[in-house]
Amino acid sequence: MNKSELIKKLSEENNIPLDEAALVVNTFVGSVKDSLFNGDRVEIRGFGSFKIKGYGGYVGRNPKSGEVVEVKPKQLPFFRAGKELKDFLNT
């Protein structure tokens, strides 16, 4: 399911206009992104949690040419599924 499919499903199941459903989904996604950007952890009980993991820089190699490449430090989003979601998927 992608974002537009989620908006359509939300609109249909709750009998609301597509514009309102899009606003709800965009507000939710924007809030999660803002919280992660500010270094906060986002937890949705029964579903899972999102956090940012920082990775240090290192010296690597280009597998194609063998050239030494410096990889810069980066931050990546990380999702951990909650117990209820895991149980639901494994019933």
PDB file of N, CA and C in Angstrom:
ATOM      1  N   MET A   1       0.853  -1.173   0.000  1.00  0.00           N
ATOM      2  CA  MET A   1       0.000   0.000   0.000  1.00  0.00           C
ATOM      3  C   MET A   1       0.900   1.238   0.000  1.00  0.00           C
ATOM      4  N   ASN A   2       0.599   2.180  -0.862  1.00  0.00           N
ATOM      5  CA  ASN A   2       1.352   3.426  -0.887  1.00  0.00           C
ATOM      6  C   ASN A   2       0.498   4.543  -0.273  1.00  0.00           C
ATOM      7  N   LYS A   3       1.053   5.733  -0.246  1.00  0.00           N
ATOM      8  CA  LYS A   3       0.393   6.856   0.424  1.00  0.00           C
ATOM      9  C   LYS A   3      -0.971   7.188  -0.193  1.00  0.00           C
ATOM     10  N   SER A   4      -1.053   7.214  -1.509  1.00  0.00           N
ATOM     11  CA  SER A   4      -2.330   7.557  -2.151  1.00  0.00           C
ATOM     12  C   SER A   4      -3.386   6.479  -1.905  1.00  0.00           C
ATOM     13  N   GLU A   5      -2.969   5.220  -1.841  1.00  0.00           N
ATOM     14  CA  GLU A   5      -3.914   4.142  -1.530  1.00  0.00           C
ATOM     15  C   GLU A   5      -4.403   4.259  -0.082  1.00  0.00           C
ATOM     16  N   LEU A   6      -3.516   4.646   0.817  1.00  0.00           N
ATOM     17  CA  LEU A   6      -3.902   4.850   2.219  1.00  0.00           C
ATOM     18  C   LEU A   6      -4.917   5.979   2.334  1.00  0.00           C
ATOM     19  N   ILE A   7      -4.685   7.065   1.619  1.00  0.00           N
ATOM     20  CA  ILE A   7      -5.615   8.201   1.635  1.00  0.00           C
ATOM     21  C   ILE A   7      -6.983   7.774   1.116  1.00  0.00           C
ATOM     22  N   LYS A   8      -6.997   7.023   0.021  1.00  0.00           N
ATOM     23  CA  LYS A   8      -8.265   6.555  -0.557  1.00  0.00           C
ATOM     24  C   LYS A   8      -9.008   5.644   0.408  1.00  0.00           C
ATOM     25  N   LYS A   9      -8.285   4.720   1.048  1.00  0.00           N
ATOM     26  CA  LYS A   9      -8.912   3.789   1.996  1.00  0.00           C
ATOM     27  C   LYS A   9      -9.472   4.535   3.206  1.00  0.00           C
ATOM     28  N   LEU A  10      -8.711   5.499   3.729  1.00  0.00           N
ATOM     29  CA  LEU A  10      -9.176   6.303   4.853  1.00  0.00           C
ATOM     30  C   LEU A  10     -10.444   7.064   4.480  1.00  0.00           C
ATOM     31  N   SER A  11     -10.464   7.624   3.285  1.00  0.00           N
ATOM     32  CA  SER A  11     -11.621   8.364   2.804  1.00  0.00           C
ATOM     33  C   SER A  11     -12.855   7.466   2.689  1.00  0.00           C
ATOM     34  N   GLU A  12     -12.669   6.291   2.100  1.00  0.00           N
ATOM     35  CA  GLU A  12     -13.792   5.371   1.893  1.00  0.00           C
ATOM     36  C   GLU A  12     -14.327   4.802   3.205  1.00  0.00           C
ATOM     37  N   GLU A  13     -13.428   4.379   4.094  1.00  0.00           N
ATOM     38  CA  GLU A  13     -13.866   3.728   5.336  1.00  0.00           C
ATOM     39  C   GLU A  13     -14.504   4.698   6.317  1.00  0.00           C
ATOM     40  N   ASN A  14     -14.139   5.976   6.237  1.00  0.00           N
ATOM     41  CA  ASN A  14     -14.682   6.953   7.180  1.00  0.00           C
ATOM     42  C   ASN A  14     -15.646   7.932   6.532  1.00  0.00           C
ATOM     43  N   ASN A  15     -15.937   7.688   5.251  1.00  0.00           N
ATOM     44  CA  ASN A  15     -16.910   8.491   4.516  1.00  0.00           C
ATOM     45  C   ASN A  15     -16.582   9.993   4.614  1.00  0.00           C
ATOM     46  N   ILE A  16     -15.310  10.312   4.334  1.00  0.00           N
ATOM     47  CA  ILE A  16     -14.881  11.710   4.332  1.00  0.00           C
ATOM     48  C   ILE A  16     -14.295  12.033   2.958  1.00  0.00           C
ATOM     49  N   PRO A  17     -14.277  13.312   2.595  1.00  0.00           N
ATOM     50  CA  PRO A  17     -13.716  13.688   1.288  1.00  0.00           C
ATOM     51  C   PRO A  17     -12.227  13.343   1.189  1.00  0.00           C
ATOM     52  N   LEU A  18     -11.770  13.096  -0.019  1.00  0.00           N
ATOM     53  CA  LEU A  18     -10.365  12.772  -0.257  1.00  0.00           C
ATOM     54  C   LEU A  18      -9.432  13.863   0.255  1.00  0.00           C
ATOM     55  N   ASP A  19      -9.839  15.126   0.122  1.00  0.00           N
ATOM     56  CA  ASP A  19      -9.002  16.237   0.583  1.00  0.00           C
ATOM     57  C   ASP A  19      -8.763  16.170   2.089  1.00  0.00           C
ATOM     58  N   GLU A  20      -9.823  15.832   2.833  1.00  0.00           N
ATOM     59  CA  GLU A  20      -9.679  15.725   4.291  1.00  0.00           C
ATOM     60  C   GLU A  20      -8.801  14.535   4.659  1.00  0.00           C
ATOM     61  N   ALA A  21      -8.991  13.422   3.986  1.00  0.00           N
ATOM     62  CA  ALA A  21      -8.171  12.238   4.249  1.00  0.00           C
ATOM     63  C   ALA A  21      -6.703  12.518   3.933  1.00  0.00           C
ATOM     64  N   ALA A  22      -6.449  13.228   2.845  1.00  0.00           N
ATOM     65  CA  ALA A  22      -5.077  13.583   2.481  1.00  0.00           C
ATOM     66  C   ALA A  22      -4.464  14.487   3.548  1.00  0.00           C
ATOM     67  N   LEU A  23      -5.252  15.421   4.066  1.00  0.00           N
ATOM     68  CA  LEU A  23      -4.767  16.315   5.116  1.00  0.00           C
ATOM     69  C   LEU A  23      -4.384  15.522   6.368  1.00  0.00           C
ATOM     70  N   VAL A  24      -5.205  14.555   6.746  1.00  0.00           N
ATOM     71  CA  VAL A  24      -4.930  13.725   7.927  1.00  0.00           C
ATOM     72  C   VAL A  24      -3.635  12.936   7.735  1.00  0.00           C
ATOM     73  N   VAL A  25      -3.509  12.263   6.615  1.00  0.00           N
ATOM     74  CA  VAL A  25      -2.324  11.441   6.348  1.00  0.00           C
ATOM     75  C   VAL A  25      -1.082  12.319   6.254  1.00  0.00           C
ATOM     76  N   ASN A  26      -1.159  13.429   5.541  1.00  0.00           N
ATOM     77  CA  ASN A  26      -0.007  14.321   5.401  1.00  0.00           C
ATOM     78  C   ASN A  26       0.398  14.944   6.738  1.00  0.00           C
ATOM     79  N   THR A  27      -0.579  15.265   7.573  1.00  0.00           N
ATOM     80  CA  THR A  27      -0.286  15.811   8.897  1.00  0.00           C
ATOM     81  C   THR A  27       0.412  14.765   9.754  1.00  0.00           C
ATOM     82  N   PHE A  28      -0.069  13.530   9.708  1.00  0.00           N
ATOM     83  CA  PHE A  28       0.551  12.442  10.474  1.00  0.00           C
ATOM     84  C   PHE A  28       1.994  12.214  10.027  1.00  0.00           C
ATOM     85  N   VAL A  29       2.196  12.063   8.727  1.00  0.00           N
ATOM     86  CA  VAL A  29       3.540  11.809   8.196  1.00  0.00           C
ATOM     87  C   VAL A  29       4.464  12.990   8.508  1.00  0.00           C
ATOM     88  N   GLY A  30       3.971  14.191   8.347  1.00  0.00           N
ATOM     89  CA  GLY A  30       4.774  15.376   8.642  1.00  0.00           C
ATOM     90  C   GLY A  30       5.161  15.452  10.112  1.00  0.00           C
ATOM     91  N   SER A  31       4.248  15.100  10.990  1.00  0.00           N
ATOM     92  CA  SER A  31       4.534  15.121  12.428  1.00  0.00           C
ATOM     93  C   SER A  31       5.596  14.099  12.800  1.00  0.00           C
ATOM     94  N   VAL A  32       5.519  12.916  12.211  1.00  0.00           N
ATOM     95  CA  VAL A  32       6.527  11.882  12.471  1.00  0.00           C
ATOM     96  C   VAL A  32       7.888  12.364  11.974  1.00  0.00           C
ATOM     97  N   LYS A  33       7.933  12.908  10.758  1.00  0.00           N
ATOM     98  CA  LYS A  33       9.195  13.404  10.195  1.00  0.00           C
ATOM     99  C   LYS A  33       9.792  14.521  11.057  1.00  0.00           C
ATOM    100  N   ASP A  34       8.955  15.463  11.492  1.00  0.00           N
ATOM    101  CA  ASP A  34       9.431  16.563  12.323  1.00  0.00           C
ATOM    102  C   ASP A  34       9.991  16.058  13.650  1.00  0.00           C
ATOM    103  N   SER A  35       9.301  15.124  14.262  1.00  0.00           N
ATOM    104  CA  SER A  35       9.761  14.575  15.542  1.00  0.00           C
ATOM    105  C   SER A  35      11.097  13.861  15.383  1.00  0.00           C
ATOM    106  N   LEU A  36      11.229  13.068  14.325  1.00  0.00           N
ATOM    107  CA  LEU A  36      12.492  12.374  14.091  1.00  0.00           C
ATOM    108  C   LEU A  36      13.610  13.362  13.801  1.00  0.00           C
ATOM    109  N   PHE A  37      13.318  14.402  13.042  1.00  0.00           N
ATOM    110  CA  PHE A  37      14.315  15.420  12.717  1.00  0.00           C
ATOM    111  C   PHE A  37      14.820  16.111  13.986  1.00  0.00           C
ATOM    112  N   ASN A  38      13.923  16.289  14.963  1.00  0.00           N
ATOM    113  CA  ASN A  38      14.279  16.930  16.221  1.00  0.00           C
ATOM    114  C   ASN A  38      14.934  15.967  17.209  1.00  0.00           C
ATOM    115  N   GLY A  39      15.148  14.720  16.784  1.00  0.00           N
ATOM    116  CA  GLY A  39      15.821  13.744  17.632  1.00  0.00           C
ATOM    117  C   GLY A  39      14.911  12.976  18.562  1.00  0.00           C
ATOM    118  N   ASP A  40      13.601  13.141  18.407  1.00  0.00           N
ATOM    119  CA  ASP A  40      12.649  12.441  19.265  1.00  0.00           C
ATOM    120  C   ASP A  40      12.337  11.052  18.729  1.00  0.00           C
ATOM    121  N   ARG A  41      11.911  10.194  19.617  1.00  0.00           N
ATOM    122  CA  ARG A  41      11.451   8.846  19.260  1.00  0.00           C
ATOM    123  C   ARG A  41       9.938   8.923  19.112  1.00  0.00           C
ATOM    124  N   VAL A  42       9.379   8.242  18.124  1.00  0.00           N
ATOM    125  CA  VAL A  42       7.935   8.233  17.900  1.00  0.00           C
ATOM    126  C   VAL A  42       7.427   6.820  18.156  1.00  0.00           C
ATOM    127  N   GLU A  43       6.501   6.700  19.106  1.00  0.00           N
ATOM    128  CA  GLU A  43       5.949   5.385  19.435  1.00  0.00           C
ATOM    129  C   GLU A  43       4.452   5.385  19.195  1.00  0.00           C
ATOM    130  N   ILE A  44       3.988   4.384  18.451  1.00  0.00           N
ATOM    131  CA  ILE A  44       2.564   4.190  18.219  1.00  0.00           C
ATOM    132  C   ILE A  44       2.221   2.855  18.869  1.00  0.00           C
ATOM    133  N   ARG A  45       1.600   2.912  20.044  1.00  0.00           N
ATOM    134  CA  ARG A  45       1.317   1.701  20.816  1.00  0.00           C
ATOM    135  C   ARG A  45       0.560   0.683  19.973  1.00  0.00           C
ATOM    136  N   GLY A  46       1.024  -0.558  20.042  1.00  0.00           N
ATOM    137  CA  GLY A  46       0.390  -1.635  19.303  1.00  0.00           C
ATOM    138  C   GLY A  46       0.868  -1.751  17.866  1.00  0.00           C
ATOM    139  N   PHE A  47       1.611  -0.768  17.394  1.00  0.00           N
ATOM    140  CA  PHE A  47       2.109  -0.801  16.016  1.00  0.00           C
ATOM    141  C   PHE A  47       3.624  -0.881  15.980  1.00  0.00           C
ATOM    142  N   GLY A  48       4.297   0.108  16.583  1.00  0.00           N
ATOM    143  CA  GLY A  48       5.748   0.085  16.605  1.00  0.00           C
ATOM    144  C   GLY A  48       6.316   1.446  16.920  1.00  0.00           C
ATOM    145  N   SER A  49       7.640   1.553  16.808  1.00  0.00           N
ATOM    146  CA  SER A  49       8.292   2.824  17.114  1.00  0.00           C
ATOM    147  C   SER A  49       9.326   3.154  16.046  1.00  0.00           C
ATOM    148  N   PHE A  50       9.516   4.450  15.870  1.00  0.00           N
ATOM    149  CA  PHE A  50      10.497   4.982  14.932  1.00  0.00           C
ATOM    150  C   PHE A  50      11.539   5.748  15.722  1.00  0.00           C
ATOM    151  N   LYS A  51      12.797   5.634  15.321  1.00  0.00           N
ATOM    152  CA  LYS A  51      13.850   6.445  15.906  1.00  0.00           C
ATOM    153  C   LYS A  51      14.940   6.635  14.866  1.00  0.00           C
ATOM    154  N   ILE A  52      15.854   7.531  15.166  1.00  0.00           N
ATOM    155  CA  ILE A  52      16.978   7.806  14.277  1.00  0.00           C
ATOM    156  C   ILE A  52      18.218   7.121  14.840  1.00  0.00           C
ATOM    157  N   LYS A  53      18.923   6.415  13.991  1.00  0.00           N
ATOM    158  CA  LYS A  53      20.195   5.812  14.369  1.00  0.00           C
ATOM    159  C   LYS A  53      21.303   6.547  13.628  1.00  0.00           C
ATOM    160  N   GLY A  54      22.322   6.925  14.373  1.00  0.00           N
ATOM    161  CA  GLY A  54      23.457   7.608  13.772  1.00  0.00           C
ATOM    162  C   GLY A  54      24.566   6.618  13.446  1.00  0.00           C
ATOM    163  N   TYR A  55      25.163   6.768  12.305  1.00  0.00           N
ATOM    164  CA  TYR A  55      26.260   5.912  11.868  1.00  0.00           C
ATOM    165  C   TYR A  55      27.466   6.792  11.575  1.00  0.00           C
ATOM    166  N   GLY A  56      28.604   6.404  12.116  1.00  0.00           N
ATOM    167  CA  GLY A  56      29.825   7.171  11.904  1.00  0.00           C
ATOM    168  C   GLY A  56      30.376   6.998  10.505  1.00  0.00           C
ATOM    169  N   GLY A  57      31.230   7.919  10.132  1.00  0.00           N
ATOM    170  CA  GLY A  57      31.880   7.826   8.827  1.00  0.00           C
ATOM    171  C   GLY A  57      32.957   6.750   8.829  1.00  0.00           C
ATOM    172  N   TYR A  58      33.321   6.297   7.669  1.00  0.00           N
ATOM    173  CA  TYR A  58      34.352   5.269   7.535  1.00  0.00           C
ATOM    174  C   TYR A  58      34.948   5.327   6.138  1.00  0.00           C
ATOM    175  N   VAL A  59      36.066   4.635   5.988  1.00  0.00           N
ATOM    176  CA  VAL A  59      36.715   4.550   4.685  1.00  0.00           C
ATOM    177  C   VAL A  59      36.321   3.214   4.071  1.00  0.00           C
ATOM    178  N   GLY A  60      35.756   3.258   2.888  1.00  0.00           N
ATOM    179  CA  GLY A  60      35.326   2.051   2.190  1.00  0.00           C
ATOM    180  C   GLY A  60      35.959   1.967   0.821  1.00  0.00           C
ATOM    181  N   ARG A  61      35.514   0.995   0.067  1.00  0.00           N
ATOM    182  CA  ARG A  61      36.021   0.813  -1.294  1.00  0.00           C
ATOM    183  C   ARG A  61      34.856   0.696  -2.267  1.00  0.00           C
ATOM    184  N   ASN A  62      35.059   1.279  -3.435  1.00  0.00           N
ATOM    185  CA  ASN A  62      34.105   1.117  -4.513  1.00  0.00           C
ATOM    186  C   ASN A  62      34.282  -0.311  -5.032  1.00  0.00           C
ATOM    187  N   PRO A  63      33.250  -1.162  -4.940  1.00  0.00           N
ATOM    188  CA  PRO A  63      33.406  -2.562  -5.347  1.00  0.00           C
ATOM    189  C   PRO A  63      33.728  -2.746  -6.828  1.00  0.00           C
ATOM    190  N   LYS A  64      33.329  -1.789  -7.638  1.00  0.00           N
ATOM    191  CA  LYS A  64      33.558  -1.909  -9.075  1.00  0.00           C
ATOM    192  C   LYS A  64      34.998  -1.561  -9.459  1.00  0.00           C
ATOM    193  N   SER A  65      35.493  -0.434  -8.900  1.00  0.00           N
ATOM    194  CA  SER A  65      36.818   0.022  -9.308  1.00  0.00           C
ATOM    195  C   SER A  65      37.903  -0.255  -8.275  1.00  0.00           C
ATOM    196  N   GLY A  66      37.496  -0.570  -7.035  1.00  0.00           N
ATOM    197  CA  GLY A  66      38.475  -0.790  -5.977  1.00  0.00           C
ATOM    198  C   GLY A  66      39.016   0.498  -5.391  1.00  0.00           C
ATOM    199  N   GLU A  67      38.525   1.623  -5.870  1.00  0.00           N
ATOM    200  CA  GLU A  67      38.980   2.936  -5.405  1.00  0.00           C
ATOM    201  C   GLU A  67      38.548   3.163  -3.956  1.00  0.00           C
ATOM    202  N   VAL A  68      39.439   3.758  -3.157  1.00  0.00           N
ATOM    203  CA  VAL A  68      39.123   4.080  -1.770  1.00  0.00           C
ATOM    204  C   VAL A  68      38.164   5.268  -1.745  1.00  0.00           C
ATOM    205  N   VAL A  69      37.094   5.146  -0.952  1.00  0.00           N
ATOM    206  CA  VAL A  69      36.061   6.169  -0.881  1.00  0.00           C
ATOM    207  C   VAL A  69      35.785   6.473   0.584  1.00  0.00           C
ATOM    208  N   GLU A  70      35.671   7.754   0.912  1.00  0.00           N
ATOM    209  CA  GLU A  70      35.312   8.139   2.274  1.00  0.00           C
ATOM    210  C   GLU A  70      33.787   8.246   2.360  1.00  0.00           C
ATOM    211  N   VAL A  71      33.198   7.496   3.280  1.00  0.00           N
ATOM    212  CA  VAL A  71      31.758   7.530   3.495  1.00  0.00           C
ATOM    213  C   VAL A  71      31.495   8.454   4.682  1.00  0.00           C
ATOM    214  N   LYS A  72      30.680   9.472   4.477  1.00  0.00           N
ATOM    215  CA  LYS A  72      30.397  10.463   5.505  1.00  0.00           C
ATOM    216  C   LYS A  72      29.454   9.894   6.571  1.00  0.00           C
ATOM    217  N   PRO A  73      29.511  10.443   7.791  1.00  0.00           N
ATOM    218  CA  PRO A  73      28.551  10.027   8.829  1.00  0.00           C
ATOM    219  C   PRO A  73      27.131  10.323   8.363  1.00  0.00           C
ATOM    220  N   LYS A  74      26.187   9.527   8.829  1.00  0.00           N
ATOM    221  CA  LYS A  74      24.798   9.734   8.414  1.00  0.00           C
ATOM    222  C   LYS A  74      23.841   9.293   9.502  1.00  0.00           C
ATOM    223  N   GLN A  75      22.615   9.746   9.378  1.00  0.00           N
ATOM    224  CA  GLN A  75      21.540   9.344  10.269  1.00  0.00           C
ATOM    225  C   GLN A  75      20.474   8.687   9.415  1.00  0.00           C
ATOM    226  N   LEU A  76      19.976   7.535   9.895  1.00  0.00           N
ATOM    227  CA  LEU A  76      18.956   6.808   9.148  1.00  0.00           C
ATOM    228  C   LEU A  76      17.778   6.485  10.056  1.00  0.00           C
ATOM    229  N   PRO A  77      16.554   6.525   9.509  1.00  0.00           N
ATOM    230  CA  PRO A  77      15.394   6.148  10.309  1.00  0.00           C
ATOM    231  C   PRO A  77      15.391   4.632  10.546  1.00  0.00           C
ATOM    232  N   PHE A  78      14.898   4.249  11.713  1.00  0.00           N
ATOM    233  CA  PHE A  78      14.838   2.841  12.088  1.00  0.00           C
ATOM    234  C   PHE A  78      13.457   2.574  12.664  1.00  0.00           C
ATOM    235  N   PHE A  79      12.802   1.502  12.206  1.00  0.00           N
ATOM    236  CA  PHE A  79      11.476   1.127  12.698  1.00  0.00           C
ATOM    237  C   PHE A  79      11.571  -0.211  13.409  1.00  0.00           C
ATOM    238  N   ARG A  80      10.959  -0.287  14.573  1.00  0.00           N
ATOM    239  CA  ARG A  80      10.879  -1.550  15.299  1.00  0.00           C
ATOM    240  C   ARG A  80       9.398  -1.858  15.526  1.00  0.00           C
ATOM    241  N   ALA A  81       8.964  -3.004  15.030  1.00  0.00           N
ATOM    242  CA  ALA A  81       7.566  -3.408  15.165  1.00  0.00           C
ATOM    243  C   ALA A  81       7.229  -3.690  16.619  1.00  0.00           C
ATOM    244  N   GLY A  82       6.014  -3.313  17.029  1.00  0.00           N
ATOM    245  CA  GLY A  82       5.538  -3.563  18.381  1.00  0.00           C
ATOM    246  C   GLY A  82       5.059  -4.995  18.542  1.00  0.00           C
ATOM    247  N   LYS A  83       4.901  -5.416  19.789  1.00  0.00           N
ATOM    248  CA  LYS A  83       4.502  -6.782  20.098  1.00  0.00           C
ATOM    249  C   LYS A  83       3.147  -7.135  19.483  1.00  0.00           C
ATOM    250  N   GLU A  84       2.185  -6.228  19.589  1.00  0.00           N
ATOM    251  CA  GLU A  84       0.854  -6.525  19.040  1.00  0.00           C
ATOM    252  C   GLU A  84       0.889  -6.719  17.534  1.00  0.00           C
ATOM    253  N   LEU A  85       1.682  -5.935  16.821  1.00  0.00           N
ATOM    254  CA  LEU A  85       1.803  -6.083  15.371  1.00  0.00           C
ATOM    255  C   LEU A  85       2.459  -7.412  15.039  1.00  0.00           C
ATOM    256  N   LYS A  86       3.521  -7.762  15.769  1.00  0.00           N
ATOM    257  CA  LYS A  86       4.187  -9.047  15.542  1.00  0.00           C
ATOM    258  C   LYS A  86       3.234 -10.202  15.788  1.00  0.00           C
ATOM    259  N   ASP A  87       2.487 -10.130  16.898  1.00  0.00           N
ATOM    260  CA  ASP A  87       1.530 -11.199  17.214  1.00  0.00           C
ATOM    261  C   ASP A  87       0.443 -11.310  16.153  1.00  0.00           C
ATOM    262  N   PHE A  88      -0.049 -10.162  15.668  1.00  0.00           N
ATOM    263  CA  PHE A  88      -1.087 -10.144  14.642  1.00  0.00           C
ATOM    264  C   PHE A  88      -0.603 -10.830  13.359  1.00  0.00           C
ATOM    265  N   LEU A  89       0.639 -10.548  12.990  1.00  0.00           N
ATOM    266  CA  LEU A  89       1.194 -11.107  11.747  1.00  0.00           C
ATOM    267  C   LEU A  89       1.534 -12.589  11.866  1.00  0.00           C
ATOM    268  N   ASN A  90       1.697 -13.070  13.080  1.00  0.00           N
ATOM    269  CA  ASN A  90       2.103 -14.454  13.278  1.00  0.00           C
ATOM    270  C   ASN A  90       1.005 -15.324  13.888  1.00  0.00           C
ATOM    271  N   THR A  91      -0.260 -14.975  13.642  1.00  0.00           N
ATOM    272  CA  THR A  91      -1.355 -15.796  14.165  1.00  0.00           C
ATOM    273  C   THR A  91      -1.801 -16.800  13.142  1.00  0.00           C
TER     274      THR A  91
END
